[in-house]
């Protein structure tokens, strides 16, 4: 859900950065629109979805399922949305009582949009950091977060390092939420010290709620 430069071939055969942000179906980008926060104090607040290649805001029904799994009251939780994009996941957590929510995003336009939303909602618990979300995750203190959202660009190599870093940052009890183009099994997650708690699929997106392995035991 985040703007991340990736290489794209030009007609001359050179490579140029290509932004990773936006919802794509096949080779077509879904037109700009909006989604809404679905629960909590900011319920029904609109979140713009600009037309950016690769931007995949988490659909309403997936967010509804996720927060049903988590419980609707996140009072006092510390959360981090590592690849924030539209901010749908992090702002949903803030709406449901999270005490601190860090949104990390590289795209300057999306960062400006997030700051506008933060001011409009008077969401003082939300902090916005422009830059590399994975680097911010690695800087976070061990066991300092109750919830870490991971929705990296699907064509990026960020899944493994992000899972490894998130496993260190999430507290016990606490959760890592992962969206990916394929299902992650317990065997695949074991190397990162994580284990499946719940999982589902919506279209081409697999979504997972993970816990630290020791917590699951």
N, C-alpha and C. Protein backbone atom coordinates (compact mmCIF):
# COMPACT_ATOMS: atom_id res chain seq x y z
N UNK A 1 0.83 -1.19 0.00
CA UNK A 1 0.00 0.00 0.00
C UNK A 1 0.87 1.24 0.00
N UNK A 2 2.10 1.12 -0.31
CA UNK A 2 3.04 2.20 -0.15
C UNK A 2 3.71 2.56 -1.47
N UNK A 3 4.10 3.81 -1.59
CA UNK A 3 4.88 4.25 -2.74
C UNK A 3 6.32 3.83 -2.51
N UNK A 4 6.81 2.92 -3.37
CA UNK A 4 8.20 2.47 -3.29
C UNK A 4 8.78 2.46 -4.68
N UNK A 5 9.85 3.23 -4.94
CA UNK A 5 10.41 3.22 -6.28
C UNK A 5 10.90 1.83 -6.66
N UNK A 6 10.54 1.37 -7.85
CA UNK A 6 11.05 0.13 -8.39
C UNK A 6 11.50 0.38 -9.81
N UNK A 7 12.29 -0.51 -10.36
CA UNK A 7 12.87 -0.27 -11.68
C UNK A 7 11.87 -0.60 -12.77
N UNK A 8 11.84 0.24 -13.79
CA UNK A 8 10.98 0.00 -14.95
C UNK A 8 11.79 0.27 -16.21
N UNK A 9 11.73 -0.64 -17.17
CA UNK A 9 12.49 -0.48 -18.41
C UNK A 9 11.88 0.61 -19.28
N UNK A 10 12.73 1.45 -19.83
CA UNK A 10 12.29 2.46 -20.78
C UNK A 10 12.50 1.92 -22.19
N UNK A 11 12.02 2.69 -23.19
CA UNK A 11 12.18 2.26 -24.57
C UNK A 11 13.65 2.16 -24.95
N UNK A 12 14.48 2.98 -24.30
CA UNK A 12 15.90 2.97 -24.61
C UNK A 12 16.64 1.84 -23.92
N UNK A 13 15.92 1.08 -23.04
CA UNK A 13 16.55 -0.04 -22.37
C UNK A 13 17.15 0.32 -21.03
N UNK A 14 17.07 1.59 -20.62
CA UNK A 14 17.56 1.99 -19.32
C UNK A 14 16.46 1.79 -18.30
N UNK A 15 16.80 1.93 -17.04
CA UNK A 15 15.79 1.76 -15.99
C UNK A 15 15.51 3.09 -15.32
N UNK A 16 14.25 3.30 -14.97
CA UNK A 16 13.85 4.49 -14.24
C UNK A 16 12.98 4.07 -13.08
N UNK A 17 12.94 4.85 -11.99
CA UNK A 17 12.11 4.46 -10.86
C UNK A 17 10.64 4.46 -11.26
N UNK A 18 9.91 3.47 -10.75
CA UNK A 18 8.47 3.42 -10.94
C UNK A 18 7.80 3.37 -9.58
N UNK A 19 6.83 4.26 -9.30
CA UNK A 19 6.22 4.27 -7.98
C UNK A 19 5.37 3.03 -7.78
N UNK A 20 5.44 2.46 -6.53
CA UNK A 20 4.56 1.36 -6.16
C UNK A 20 3.50 1.91 -5.23
N UNK A 21 2.35 2.23 -5.75
CA UNK A 21 1.23 2.70 -4.99
C UNK A 21 0.00 2.58 -5.85
N UNK A 22 -1.14 2.12 -5.44
CA UNK A 22 -2.37 2.12 -6.20
C UNK A 22 -2.94 0.74 -6.41
N UNK A 23 -4.19 0.58 -6.61
CA UNK A 23 -4.80 -0.72 -6.81
C UNK A 23 -4.80 -1.06 -8.29
N UNK A 24 -4.27 -2.24 -8.63
CA UNK A 24 -4.19 -2.65 -10.02
C UNK A 24 -4.96 -3.94 -10.21
N UNK A 25 -5.79 -4.01 -11.22
CA UNK A 25 -6.49 -5.23 -11.59
C UNK A 25 -5.98 -5.60 -12.97
N UNK A 26 -5.29 -6.76 -13.06
CA UNK A 26 -4.63 -7.11 -14.31
C UNK A 26 -3.62 -6.04 -14.65
N UNK A 27 -3.75 -5.47 -15.84
CA UNK A 27 -2.84 -4.39 -16.24
C UNK A 27 -3.51 -3.03 -16.16
N UNK A 28 -4.72 -3.00 -15.62
CA UNK A 28 -5.45 -1.74 -15.55
C UNK A 28 -5.44 -1.19 -14.14
N UNK A 29 -5.24 0.11 -14.02
CA UNK A 29 -5.28 0.76 -12.72
C UNK A 29 -6.71 1.21 -12.44
N UNK A 30 -7.18 0.90 -11.22
CA UNK A 30 -8.51 1.32 -10.83
C UNK A 30 -8.54 2.85 -10.76
N UNK A 31 -9.56 3.51 -11.33
CA UNK A 31 -9.62 4.97 -11.33
C UNK A 31 -9.62 5.55 -9.91
N UNK A 32 -9.24 6.82 -9.78
CA UNK A 32 -9.23 7.45 -8.47
C UNK A 32 -10.62 7.38 -7.85
N UNK A 33 -10.66 7.34 -6.56
CA UNK A 33 -11.94 7.29 -5.86
C UNK A 33 -11.73 7.56 -4.40
N UNK A 34 -12.46 6.84 -3.58
CA UNK A 34 -12.33 7.01 -2.15
C UNK A 34 -12.79 5.75 -1.44
N UNK A 35 -12.29 5.56 -0.25
CA UNK A 35 -12.77 4.52 0.65
C UNK A 35 -13.14 5.22 1.96
N UNK A 36 -13.69 4.47 2.88
CA UNK A 36 -14.14 5.08 4.14
C UNK A 36 -13.62 4.28 5.32
N UNK A 37 -13.38 4.98 6.42
CA UNK A 37 -13.12 4.31 7.69
C UNK A 37 -14.42 3.64 8.12
N UNK A 38 -14.34 2.39 8.54
CA UNK A 38 -15.57 1.62 8.74
C UNK A 38 -16.02 1.49 10.20
N UNK A 39 -15.20 1.92 11.15
CA UNK A 39 -15.61 1.80 12.55
C UNK A 39 -14.93 2.82 13.44
N UNK A 40 -15.45 2.98 14.66
CA UNK A 40 -14.82 3.86 15.64
C UNK A 40 -15.22 5.31 15.50
N UNK A 41 -14.45 6.18 16.13
CA UNK A 41 -14.80 7.59 16.22
C UNK A 41 -14.75 8.32 14.88
N UNK A 42 -13.98 7.81 13.94
CA UNK A 42 -13.89 8.44 12.61
C UNK A 42 -14.72 7.70 11.57
N UNK A 43 -15.64 6.87 12.00
CA UNK A 43 -16.46 6.06 11.10
C UNK A 43 -17.09 6.91 10.01
N UNK A 44 -17.03 6.40 8.78
CA UNK A 44 -17.56 7.01 7.56
C UNK A 44 -16.70 8.17 7.04
N UNK A 45 -15.59 8.49 7.70
CA UNK A 45 -14.70 9.51 7.16
C UNK A 45 -14.10 9.02 5.85
N UNK A 46 -14.04 9.89 4.86
CA UNK A 46 -13.59 9.53 3.52
C UNK A 46 -12.06 9.62 3.42
N UNK A 47 -11.48 8.62 2.76
CA UNK A 47 -10.05 8.61 2.47
C UNK A 47 -9.88 8.60 0.96
N UNK A 48 -9.31 9.66 0.38
CA UNK A 48 -9.12 9.69 -1.08
C UNK A 48 -8.17 8.59 -1.54
N UNK A 49 -8.46 8.05 -2.72
CA UNK A 49 -7.59 7.05 -3.33
C UNK A 49 -7.12 7.61 -4.68
N UNK A 50 -5.95 8.20 -4.73
CA UNK A 50 -5.46 8.78 -6.00
C UNK A 50 -5.09 7.69 -6.99
N UNK A 51 -5.02 8.09 -8.24
CA UNK A 51 -4.70 7.16 -9.32
C UNK A 51 -3.19 7.02 -9.42
N UNK A 52 -2.64 6.07 -8.65
CA UNK A 52 -1.20 5.82 -8.65
C UNK A 52 -0.98 4.34 -8.95
N UNK A 53 -0.12 4.03 -9.89
CA UNK A 53 0.10 2.62 -10.24
C UNK A 53 0.49 1.79 -9.02
N UNK A 54 -0.25 0.74 -8.77
CA UNK A 54 0.09 -0.19 -7.70
C UNK A 54 -0.54 0.11 -6.36
N UNK A 55 -1.26 1.23 -6.21
CA UNK A 55 -1.87 1.55 -4.92
C UNK A 55 -3.02 0.60 -4.65
N UNK A 56 -2.96 -0.12 -3.52
CA UNK A 56 -3.95 -1.14 -3.20
C UNK A 56 -4.53 -0.89 -1.82
N UNK A 57 -5.40 0.08 -1.65
CA UNK A 57 -5.99 0.26 -0.32
C UNK A 57 -6.73 -1.00 0.11
N UNK A 58 -6.55 -1.40 1.35
CA UNK A 58 -7.20 -2.61 1.84
C UNK A 58 -8.71 -2.46 1.76
N UNK A 59 -9.41 -3.38 1.08
CA UNK A 59 -10.86 -3.24 0.89
C UNK A 59 -11.63 -3.21 2.21
N UNK A 60 -12.82 -2.62 2.15
CA UNK A 60 -13.64 -2.49 3.36
C UNK A 60 -13.88 -3.83 4.03
N UNK A 61 -14.24 -4.84 3.26
CA UNK A 61 -14.62 -6.10 3.91
C UNK A 61 -13.41 -6.81 4.51
N UNK A 62 -12.21 -6.58 3.95
CA UNK A 62 -11.02 -7.15 4.57
C UNK A 62 -10.71 -6.43 5.87
N UNK A 63 -10.83 -5.10 5.87
CA UNK A 63 -10.60 -4.36 7.12
C UNK A 63 -11.65 -4.74 8.18
N UNK A 64 -12.87 -4.92 7.75
CA UNK A 64 -13.91 -5.32 8.70
C UNK A 64 -13.59 -6.69 9.31
N UNK A 65 -13.14 -7.62 8.47
CA UNK A 65 -12.76 -8.94 8.98
C UNK A 65 -11.59 -8.83 9.94
N UNK A 66 -10.56 -8.07 9.55
CA UNK A 66 -9.39 -7.91 10.40
C UNK A 66 -9.75 -7.37 11.77
N UNK A 67 -10.57 -6.32 11.81
CA UNK A 67 -10.87 -5.71 13.11
C UNK A 67 -11.91 -6.51 13.89
N UNK A 68 -12.64 -7.38 13.24
CA UNK A 68 -13.43 -8.37 13.96
C UNK A 68 -12.51 -9.35 14.67
N UNK A 69 -11.45 -9.77 13.99
CA UNK A 69 -10.47 -10.67 14.60
C UNK A 69 -9.78 -10.01 15.79
N UNK A 70 -9.42 -8.74 15.62
CA UNK A 70 -8.67 -8.03 16.67
C UNK A 70 -9.55 -7.62 17.84
N UNK A 71 -10.83 -7.48 17.60
CA UNK A 71 -11.70 -6.85 18.57
C UNK A 71 -11.79 -5.38 18.20
N UNK A 72 -12.91 -4.79 18.42
CA UNK A 72 -13.13 -3.43 17.90
C UNK A 72 -12.50 -2.34 18.77
N UNK A 73 -12.10 -2.66 19.98
CA UNK A 73 -11.54 -1.66 20.89
C UNK A 73 -10.03 -1.86 20.99
N UNK A 74 -9.28 -0.92 20.44
CA UNK A 74 -7.82 -0.98 20.49
C UNK A 74 -7.26 0.07 21.46
N UNK A 75 -8.04 0.41 22.46
CA UNK A 75 -7.64 1.45 23.40
C UNK A 75 -6.26 1.17 23.99
N UNK A 76 -5.38 2.16 23.86
CA UNK A 76 -4.04 2.07 24.44
C UNK A 76 -3.00 1.39 23.58
N UNK A 77 -3.40 0.84 22.44
CA UNK A 77 -2.45 0.11 21.61
C UNK A 77 -1.48 1.07 20.91
N UNK A 78 -0.27 0.58 20.68
CA UNK A 78 0.71 1.28 19.85
C UNK A 78 0.82 0.52 18.53
N UNK A 79 0.65 1.23 17.42
CA UNK A 79 0.55 0.59 16.11
C UNK A 79 1.49 1.28 15.12
N UNK A 80 1.88 0.51 14.11
CA UNK A 80 2.74 1.04 13.06
C UNK A 80 2.27 0.50 11.72
N UNK A 81 2.00 1.41 10.79
CA UNK A 81 1.63 1.06 9.41
C UNK A 81 2.85 1.33 8.56
N UNK A 82 3.57 0.26 8.21
CA UNK A 82 4.92 0.39 7.64
C UNK A 82 4.89 0.86 6.19
N UNK A 83 3.86 0.49 5.45
CA UNK A 83 3.71 0.89 4.04
C UNK A 83 2.32 1.53 3.92
N UNK A 84 2.19 2.76 4.38
CA UNK A 84 0.87 3.31 4.71
C UNK A 84 -0.03 3.60 3.52
N UNK A 85 0.50 4.11 2.41
CA UNK A 85 -0.35 4.43 1.27
C UNK A 85 -1.44 5.42 1.63
N UNK A 86 -2.70 5.02 1.50
CA UNK A 86 -3.83 5.90 1.84
C UNK A 86 -4.01 6.06 3.35
N UNK A 87 -3.34 5.21 4.13
CA UNK A 87 -3.48 5.27 5.59
C UNK A 87 -4.68 4.50 6.11
N UNK A 88 -5.34 3.71 5.26
CA UNK A 88 -6.60 3.06 5.66
C UNK A 88 -6.43 2.18 6.89
N UNK A 89 -5.36 1.40 6.97
CA UNK A 89 -5.19 0.50 8.09
C UNK A 89 -4.85 1.26 9.38
N UNK A 90 -3.87 2.14 9.28
CA UNK A 90 -3.46 2.87 10.48
C UNK A 90 -4.53 3.79 11.01
N UNK A 91 -5.24 4.48 10.11
CA UNK A 91 -6.31 5.38 10.54
C UNK A 91 -7.50 4.60 11.11
N UNK A 92 -7.73 3.40 10.61
CA UNK A 92 -8.77 2.54 11.18
C UNK A 92 -8.41 2.18 12.63
N UNK A 93 -7.14 1.89 12.87
CA UNK A 93 -6.70 1.58 14.23
C UNK A 93 -6.84 2.80 15.14
N UNK A 94 -6.48 3.97 14.62
CA UNK A 94 -6.63 5.20 15.41
C UNK A 94 -8.10 5.46 15.74
N UNK A 95 -8.96 5.19 14.77
CA UNK A 95 -10.39 5.40 14.98
C UNK A 95 -10.94 4.51 16.09
N UNK A 96 -10.29 3.38 16.31
CA UNK A 96 -10.77 2.41 17.29
C UNK A 96 -10.04 2.50 18.62
N UNK A 97 -9.34 3.62 18.86
CA UNK A 97 -8.82 3.89 20.19
C UNK A 97 -7.33 3.72 20.39
N UNK A 98 -6.58 3.38 19.33
CA UNK A 98 -5.13 3.23 19.50
C UNK A 98 -4.52 4.51 20.05
N UNK A 99 -3.58 4.35 20.97
CA UNK A 99 -2.96 5.51 21.62
C UNK A 99 -1.91 6.17 20.73
N UNK A 100 -1.19 5.37 19.94
CA UNK A 100 -0.16 5.89 19.05
C UNK A 100 -0.21 5.11 17.74
N UNK A 101 -0.19 5.82 16.62
CA UNK A 101 -0.17 5.18 15.31
C UNK A 101 0.86 5.90 14.45
N UNK A 102 1.87 5.17 14.00
CA UNK A 102 2.89 5.74 13.12
C UNK A 102 2.60 5.27 11.71
N UNK A 103 2.42 6.25 10.79
CA UNK A 103 2.22 5.97 9.38
C UNK A 103 3.50 6.30 8.62
N UNK A 104 4.07 5.32 7.92
CA UNK A 104 5.29 5.53 7.15
C UNK A 104 4.96 5.46 5.66
N UNK A 105 5.43 6.43 4.92
CA UNK A 105 5.12 6.51 3.49
C UNK A 105 6.22 7.28 2.77
N UNK A 106 6.56 6.84 1.55
CA UNK A 106 7.60 7.50 0.77
C UNK A 106 7.06 8.51 -0.23
N UNK A 107 5.91 8.27 -0.79
CA UNK A 107 5.38 9.15 -1.83
C UNK A 107 5.02 10.50 -1.23
N UNK A 108 5.62 11.60 -1.72
CA UNK A 108 5.35 12.92 -1.12
C UNK A 108 3.89 13.33 -1.24
N UNK A 109 3.23 12.98 -2.36
CA UNK A 109 1.82 13.32 -2.51
C UNK A 109 0.95 12.60 -1.50
N UNK A 110 1.23 11.32 -1.26
CA UNK A 110 0.47 10.57 -0.28
C UNK A 110 0.76 11.06 1.14
N UNK A 111 1.99 11.47 1.39
CA UNK A 111 2.32 12.03 2.71
C UNK A 111 1.52 13.30 2.95
N UNK A 112 1.45 14.18 1.96
CA UNK A 112 0.66 15.40 2.10
C UNK A 112 -0.81 15.07 2.34
N UNK A 113 -1.32 14.06 1.63
CA UNK A 113 -2.71 13.65 1.82
C UNK A 113 -2.94 13.14 3.24
N UNK A 114 -1.99 12.35 3.75
CA UNK A 114 -2.11 11.83 5.11
C UNK A 114 -2.10 12.96 6.14
N UNK A 115 -1.25 13.95 5.92
CA UNK A 115 -1.20 15.09 6.85
C UNK A 115 -2.50 15.89 6.83
N UNK A 116 -3.08 16.03 5.64
CA UNK A 116 -4.37 16.72 5.53
C UNK A 116 -5.45 15.95 6.28
N UNK A 117 -5.48 14.65 6.12
CA UNK A 117 -6.46 13.82 6.83
C UNK A 117 -6.27 13.88 8.34
N UNK A 118 -5.01 13.81 8.76
CA UNK A 118 -4.72 13.88 10.19
C UNK A 118 -5.26 15.18 10.80
N UNK A 119 -5.02 16.29 10.10
CA UNK A 119 -5.50 17.58 10.60
C UNK A 119 -7.03 17.65 10.58
N UNK A 120 -7.64 17.14 9.52
CA UNK A 120 -9.09 17.17 9.39
C UNK A 120 -9.76 16.36 10.49
N UNK A 121 -9.17 15.22 10.84
CA UNK A 121 -9.75 14.34 11.86
C UNK A 121 -9.33 14.73 13.27
N UNK A 122 -8.40 15.69 13.40
CA UNK A 122 -7.83 16.05 14.71
C UNK A 122 -7.26 14.80 15.38
N UNK A 123 -6.58 13.99 14.59
CA UNK A 123 -6.06 12.70 15.06
C UNK A 123 -4.65 12.90 15.64
N UNK A 124 -4.59 13.42 16.86
CA UNK A 124 -3.30 13.73 17.47
C UNK A 124 -2.48 12.49 17.79
N UNK A 125 -3.14 11.34 17.86
CA UNK A 125 -2.41 10.09 18.15
C UNK A 125 -1.65 9.58 16.92
N UNK A 126 -1.92 10.15 15.76
CA UNK A 126 -1.30 9.71 14.51
C UNK A 126 -0.05 10.54 14.21
N UNK A 127 1.04 9.88 13.96
CA UNK A 127 2.27 10.52 13.52
C UNK A 127 2.59 10.03 12.10
N UNK A 128 3.08 10.92 11.27
CA UNK A 128 3.36 10.59 9.87
C UNK A 128 4.84 10.81 9.61
N UNK A 129 5.47 9.79 9.06
CA UNK A 129 6.90 9.86 8.75
C UNK A 129 7.11 9.59 7.27
N UNK A 130 7.68 10.55 6.58
CA UNK A 130 8.01 10.34 5.18
C UNK A 130 9.36 9.66 5.08
N UNK A 131 9.40 8.55 4.35
CA UNK A 131 10.66 7.85 4.18
C UNK A 131 10.47 6.35 4.12
N UNK A 132 11.54 5.64 4.33
CA UNK A 132 11.60 4.20 4.20
C UNK A 132 10.94 3.55 5.42
N UNK A 133 9.79 2.93 5.21
CA UNK A 133 9.07 2.30 6.31
C UNK A 133 9.84 1.15 6.93
N UNK A 134 10.55 0.37 6.11
CA UNK A 134 11.33 -0.74 6.65
C UNK A 134 12.43 -0.23 7.57
N UNK A 135 13.08 0.87 7.19
CA UNK A 135 14.12 1.45 8.05
C UNK A 135 13.51 1.92 9.37
N UNK A 136 12.32 2.53 9.30
CA UNK A 136 11.65 2.97 10.53
C UNK A 136 11.29 1.78 11.41
N UNK A 137 10.85 0.70 10.80
CA UNK A 137 10.53 -0.51 11.55
C UNK A 137 11.75 -1.07 12.25
N UNK A 138 12.87 -1.06 11.55
CA UNK A 138 14.10 -1.58 12.15
C UNK A 138 14.60 -0.70 13.30
N UNK A 139 14.26 0.59 13.27
CA UNK A 139 14.67 1.50 14.34
C UNK A 139 13.80 1.38 15.59
N UNK A 140 12.61 0.83 15.44
CA UNK A 140 11.67 0.77 16.56
C UNK A 140 12.22 -0.14 17.67
N UNK A 141 11.86 0.18 18.89
CA UNK A 141 12.34 -0.59 20.04
C UNK A 141 11.74 -1.99 20.05
N UNK A 142 12.48 -2.98 20.49
CA UNK A 142 11.95 -4.34 20.56
C UNK A 142 10.69 -4.41 21.42
N UNK A 143 9.73 -5.20 20.99
CA UNK A 143 8.49 -5.46 21.73
C UNK A 143 7.75 -4.17 22.10
N UNK A 144 7.81 -3.17 21.20
CA UNK A 144 7.22 -1.87 21.52
C UNK A 144 5.85 -1.64 20.89
N UNK A 145 5.39 -2.54 20.03
CA UNK A 145 4.13 -2.33 19.31
C UNK A 145 3.16 -3.48 19.58
N UNK A 146 1.89 -3.12 19.72
CA UNK A 146 0.86 -4.16 19.82
C UNK A 146 0.36 -4.62 18.44
N UNK A 147 0.59 -3.79 17.42
CA UNK A 147 0.09 -4.13 16.09
C UNK A 147 0.98 -3.49 15.03
N UNK A 148 1.48 -4.31 14.11
CA UNK A 148 2.28 -3.84 12.98
C UNK A 148 1.57 -4.25 11.70
N UNK A 149 1.29 -3.28 10.82
CA UNK A 149 0.67 -3.55 9.53
C UNK A 149 1.75 -3.65 8.46
N UNK A 150 1.73 -4.74 7.69
CA UNK A 150 2.67 -4.92 6.59
C UNK A 150 1.88 -5.16 5.31
N UNK A 151 1.95 -4.20 4.40
CA UNK A 151 1.32 -4.35 3.08
C UNK A 151 2.30 -3.82 2.04
N UNK A 152 3.42 -4.54 1.83
CA UNK A 152 4.44 -4.05 0.90
C UNK A 152 3.96 -4.15 -0.55
N UNK A 153 4.64 -3.44 -1.44
CA UNK A 153 4.38 -3.63 -2.87
C UNK A 153 4.50 -5.11 -3.22
N UNK A 154 3.54 -5.64 -3.94
CA UNK A 154 3.50 -7.07 -4.20
C UNK A 154 4.68 -7.55 -5.05
N UNK A 155 5.26 -6.66 -5.86
CA UNK A 155 6.37 -7.08 -6.71
C UNK A 155 7.73 -6.73 -6.11
N UNK A 156 7.76 -6.47 -4.82
CA UNK A 156 9.00 -6.06 -4.17
C UNK A 156 9.61 -7.22 -3.38
N UNK A 157 10.89 -7.10 -3.01
CA UNK A 157 11.54 -8.12 -2.17
C UNK A 157 11.46 -7.78 -0.69
N UNK A 158 10.45 -7.01 -0.29
CA UNK A 158 10.39 -6.49 1.08
C UNK A 158 9.71 -7.41 2.09
N UNK A 159 9.06 -8.47 1.63
CA UNK A 159 8.29 -9.30 2.56
C UNK A 159 9.17 -9.93 3.64
N UNK A 160 10.25 -10.57 3.24
CA UNK A 160 11.09 -11.26 4.20
C UNK A 160 11.74 -10.31 5.21
N UNK A 161 12.40 -9.23 4.76
CA UNK A 161 12.99 -8.33 5.76
C UNK A 161 11.95 -7.65 6.65
N UNK A 162 10.77 -7.35 6.08
CA UNK A 162 9.73 -6.71 6.89
C UNK A 162 9.20 -7.66 7.96
N UNK A 163 8.98 -8.93 7.60
CA UNK A 163 8.53 -9.91 8.59
C UNK A 163 9.58 -10.11 9.69
N UNK A 164 10.82 -10.18 9.29
CA UNK A 164 11.90 -10.36 10.27
C UNK A 164 11.95 -9.20 11.26
N UNK A 165 11.84 -7.97 10.74
CA UNK A 165 11.89 -6.79 11.62
C UNK A 165 10.64 -6.70 12.48
N UNK A 166 9.47 -6.99 11.89
CA UNK A 166 8.21 -6.90 12.65
C UNK A 166 8.19 -7.89 13.81
N UNK A 167 8.76 -9.08 13.62
CA UNK A 167 8.79 -10.08 14.68
C UNK A 167 9.55 -9.59 15.90
N UNK A 168 10.52 -8.70 15.69
CA UNK A 168 11.27 -8.14 16.81
C UNK A 168 10.53 -7.01 17.50
N UNK A 169 9.73 -6.30 16.72
CA UNK A 169 9.09 -5.08 17.23
C UNK A 169 7.78 -5.37 17.94
N UNK A 170 7.06 -6.41 17.52
CA UNK A 170 5.74 -6.67 18.09
C UNK A 170 5.88 -7.25 19.49
N UNK A 171 5.01 -6.79 20.38
CA UNK A 171 5.03 -7.24 21.78
C UNK A 171 4.28 -8.55 21.92
N UNK A 172 4.33 -9.11 23.10
CA UNK A 172 3.51 -10.26 23.46
C UNK A 172 2.57 -9.85 24.60
N UNK A 173 1.27 -9.91 24.45
CA UNK A 173 0.57 -10.26 23.21
C UNK A 173 0.61 -9.11 22.21
N UNK A 174 0.55 -9.43 20.96
CA UNK A 174 0.55 -8.44 19.89
C UNK A 174 0.43 -9.16 18.56
N UNK A 175 0.25 -8.39 17.49
CA UNK A 175 -0.06 -8.98 16.20
C UNK A 175 0.71 -8.30 15.07
N UNK A 176 0.99 -9.08 14.03
CA UNK A 176 1.49 -8.57 12.76
C UNK A 176 0.42 -8.89 11.72
N UNK A 177 -0.03 -7.85 11.00
CA UNK A 177 -0.97 -8.06 9.91
C UNK A 177 -0.20 -8.02 8.60
N UNK A 178 -0.42 -9.02 7.74
CA UNK A 178 0.31 -9.14 6.49
C UNK A 178 -0.64 -9.32 5.32
N UNK A 179 -0.47 -8.50 4.26
CA UNK A 179 -1.13 -8.72 2.98
C UNK A 179 -0.07 -9.14 1.97
N UNK A 180 -0.42 -10.13 1.15
CA UNK A 180 0.57 -10.68 0.21
C UNK A 180 -0.14 -11.28 -0.99
N UNK A 181 0.59 -11.48 -2.10
CA UNK A 181 -0.02 -12.09 -3.28
C UNK A 181 -0.15 -13.60 -3.17
N UNK A 182 0.42 -14.20 -2.11
CA UNK A 182 0.26 -15.63 -1.90
C UNK A 182 0.09 -15.90 -0.41
N UNK A 183 -0.43 -17.08 -0.07
CA UNK A 183 -0.62 -17.44 1.34
C UNK A 183 0.74 -17.78 1.97
N UNK A 184 0.91 -17.36 3.22
CA UNK A 184 2.09 -17.71 3.99
C UNK A 184 1.70 -18.78 5.00
N UNK A 185 2.40 -19.90 4.99
CA UNK A 185 2.12 -21.01 5.89
C UNK A 185 2.95 -20.87 7.17
N UNK A 186 2.60 -21.68 8.17
CA UNK A 186 3.39 -21.70 9.40
C UNK A 186 4.83 -22.12 9.11
N UNK A 187 5.01 -23.05 8.19
CA UNK A 187 6.38 -23.47 7.85
C UNK A 187 7.19 -22.31 7.29
N UNK A 188 6.57 -21.51 6.41
CA UNK A 188 7.28 -20.37 5.82
C UNK A 188 7.55 -19.28 6.86
N UNK A 189 6.65 -19.13 7.81
CA UNK A 189 6.77 -18.08 8.81
C UNK A 189 7.72 -18.45 9.96
N UNK A 190 7.99 -19.73 10.11
CA UNK A 190 8.77 -20.19 11.26
C UNK A 190 10.16 -19.55 11.31
N UNK A 191 10.76 -19.32 10.15
CA UNK A 191 12.10 -18.72 10.11
C UNK A 191 12.11 -17.31 10.67
N UNK A 192 10.95 -16.67 10.73
CA UNK A 192 10.86 -15.30 11.22
C UNK A 192 10.32 -15.23 12.64
N UNK A 193 10.10 -16.38 13.26
CA UNK A 193 9.60 -16.41 14.63
C UNK A 193 8.14 -16.03 14.73
N UNK A 194 7.37 -16.22 13.64
CA UNK A 194 5.96 -15.87 13.62
C UNK A 194 5.11 -17.09 13.30
N UNK A 195 3.83 -16.99 13.63
CA UNK A 195 2.90 -18.08 13.41
C UNK A 195 1.54 -17.51 13.04
N UNK A 196 0.81 -18.24 12.20
CA UNK A 196 -0.53 -17.82 11.81
C UNK A 196 -1.49 -17.84 13.00
N UNK A 197 -2.28 -16.77 13.10
CA UNK A 197 -3.39 -16.74 14.04
C UNK A 197 -4.70 -16.89 13.29
N UNK A 198 -4.88 -16.08 12.24
CA UNK A 198 -6.03 -16.18 11.36
C UNK A 198 -5.57 -15.81 9.95
N UNK A 199 -6.31 -16.23 8.94
CA UNK A 199 -5.97 -15.84 7.57
C UNK A 199 -7.21 -15.90 6.70
N UNK A 200 -7.16 -15.22 5.55
CA UNK A 200 -8.27 -15.21 4.62
C UNK A 200 -7.79 -14.78 3.24
N UNK A 201 -8.72 -14.75 2.30
CA UNK A 201 -8.38 -14.38 0.92
C UNK A 201 -9.52 -13.55 0.34
N UNK A 202 -9.17 -12.48 -0.35
CA UNK A 202 -10.15 -11.63 -1.03
C UNK A 202 -9.61 -11.34 -2.42
N UNK A 203 -10.21 -11.96 -3.44
CA UNK A 203 -9.69 -11.80 -4.78
C UNK A 203 -8.29 -12.39 -4.86
N UNK A 204 -7.34 -11.58 -5.33
CA UNK A 204 -5.96 -12.04 -5.46
C UNK A 204 -5.13 -11.77 -4.21
N UNK A 205 -5.75 -11.19 -3.17
CA UNK A 205 -5.03 -10.78 -1.97
C UNK A 205 -5.22 -11.80 -0.86
N UNK A 206 -4.10 -12.27 -0.30
CA UNK A 206 -4.13 -13.12 0.89
C UNK A 206 -3.81 -12.24 2.10
N UNK A 207 -4.62 -12.33 3.13
CA UNK A 207 -4.37 -11.52 4.33
C UNK A 207 -4.24 -12.43 5.54
N UNK A 208 -3.33 -12.05 6.42
CA UNK A 208 -2.92 -12.91 7.53
C UNK A 208 -2.81 -12.08 8.81
N UNK A 209 -3.23 -12.65 9.91
CA UNK A 209 -2.96 -12.09 11.22
C UNK A 209 -2.01 -13.04 11.93
N UNK A 210 -0.85 -12.52 12.28
CA UNK A 210 0.25 -13.34 12.82
C UNK A 210 0.54 -12.97 14.26
N UNK A 211 1.08 -13.93 14.99
CA UNK A 211 1.58 -13.69 16.35
C UNK A 211 3.00 -14.22 16.44
N UNK A 212 3.72 -13.77 17.45
CA UNK A 212 5.03 -14.34 17.70
C UNK A 212 4.88 -15.79 18.10
N UNK A 213 5.80 -16.61 17.70
CA UNK A 213 5.68 -18.05 17.90
C UNK A 213 5.57 -18.41 19.39
N UNK A 214 6.34 -17.75 20.22
CA UNK A 214 6.28 -18.03 21.65
C UNK A 214 4.93 -17.68 22.23
N UNK A 215 4.31 -16.60 21.69
CA UNK A 215 2.98 -16.20 22.17
C UNK A 215 1.94 -17.23 21.77
N UNK A 216 2.07 -17.78 20.55
CA UNK A 216 1.12 -18.79 20.09
C UNK A 216 1.23 -20.04 20.96
N UNK A 217 2.47 -20.39 21.33
CA UNK A 217 2.66 -21.58 22.16
C UNK A 217 2.04 -21.39 23.52
